[in-house]
Amino acid sequence: MPFVDIRIAGTATRAQKSAIVADVTKALGAHLGKPASAVQVNIIEVSTENYGAGGILIADRPASPAQEVASADGKR
């Protein structure tokens, strides 16, 4: 039985998480021959204030142009 943990810095919508679970389940079925009922997916949303890389918190990084566009139109 495959167990998959996915950590996301920040948050995702319910629809995005649902799509991730569906895609990961399908991929494991295709590549490992596992039935969908056997695949377990755990999505962990990590606050950007609780995660750092390159010596700084993710929350303190300047926003990339793609993130600014996504924030402006309400999409993630």
Protein backbone atom coordinates (compact mmCIF):
# COMPACT_ATOMS: atom_id res chain seq x y z
CA MET A 1 0.00 0.00 0.00
CA PRO A 2 1.68 3.26 -1.09
CA PHE A 3 1.73 6.15 1.37
CA VAL A 4 2.53 9.56 -0.08
CA ASP A 5 3.22 12.66 2.04
CA ILE A 6 3.19 15.98 0.20
CA ARG A 7 4.29 19.14 1.97
CA ILE A 8 3.25 22.49 0.53
CA ALA A 9 4.76 25.78 1.68
CA GLY A 10 1.62 27.88 2.07
CA THR A 11 -1.89 26.74 1.28
CA ALA A 12 -3.90 25.17 -1.51
CA THR A 13 -7.61 25.27 -2.18
CA ARG A 14 -9.78 22.22 -1.61
CA ALA A 15 -10.12 21.85 -5.39
CA GLN A 16 -6.33 21.97 -5.85
CA LYS A 17 -5.81 19.35 -3.13
CA SER A 18 -8.49 17.14 -4.65
CA ALA A 19 -6.76 17.35 -8.04
CA ILE A 20 -3.38 16.54 -6.47
CA VAL A 21 -4.80 13.46 -4.73
CA ALA A 22 -6.44 12.29 -7.96
CA ASP A 23 -3.28 12.83 -10.03
CA VAL A 24 -0.97 11.11 -7.53
CA THR A 25 -3.36 8.19 -7.19
CA LYS A 26 -3.59 7.81 -10.97
CA ALA A 27 0.21 8.01 -11.36
CA LEU A 28 0.85 5.31 -8.77
CA GLY A 29 -1.75 3.11 -10.41
CA ALA A 30 -0.13 3.60 -13.82
CA HIS A 31 3.50 3.22 -12.72
CA LEU A 32 3.25 0.76 -9.84
CA GLY A 33 0.09 -1.11 -10.78
CA LYS A 34 -1.57 -0.23 -7.48
CA PRO A 35 -5.36 0.00 -7.18
CA ALA A 36 -6.70 3.46 -6.32
CA SER A 37 -8.19 2.10 -3.10
CA ALA A 38 -4.68 1.22 -1.86
CA VAL A 39 -3.13 4.68 -2.36
CA GLN A 40 -2.96 6.93 0.68
CA VAL A 41 -2.13 10.63 0.14
CA ASN A 42 -1.48 13.07 2.99
CA ILE A 43 -1.18 16.78 2.14
CA ILE A 44 0.52 18.91 4.77
CA GLU A 45 0.26 22.67 4.48
CA VAL A 46 3.27 24.30 6.12
CA SER A 47 2.97 27.94 7.10
CA THR A 48 5.53 30.02 5.23
CA GLU A 49 6.39 31.49 8.65
CA ASN A 50 7.40 28.00 9.83
CA TYR A 51 9.60 27.02 6.90
CA GLY A 52 12.87 28.40 5.66
CA ALA A 53 15.30 27.74 2.85
CA GLY A 54 18.60 29.34 1.97
CA GLY A 55 18.83 30.89 5.42
CA ILE A 56 15.56 32.85 5.35
CA LEU A 57 11.91 32.19 6.05
CA ILE A 58 9.81 31.59 2.97
CA ALA A 59 7.48 34.34 4.27
CA ASP A 60 10.38 36.80 4.10
CA ARG A 61 11.27 36.06 0.47
CA PRO A 62 10.24 38.61 -2.11
CA ALA A 63 7.23 37.50 -4.11
CA SER A 64 7.95 36.20 -7.59
CA PRO A 65 6.04 37.80 -10.50
CA ALA A 66 3.95 34.61 -10.86
CA GLN A 67 2.92 34.77 -7.19
CA GLU A 68 1.97 38.44 -7.50
CA VAL A 69 -0.28 37.70 -10.50
CA ALA A 70 -1.88 34.76 -8.69
CA SER A 71 -2.54 36.89 -5.61
CA ALA A 72 -4.02 39.71 -7.67
CA ASP A 73 -6.57 37.50 -9.43
CA GLY A 74 -7.35 35.36 -6.38
CA LYS A 75 -5.93 32.15 -7.83
CA ARG A 76 -3.27 30.02 -6.20
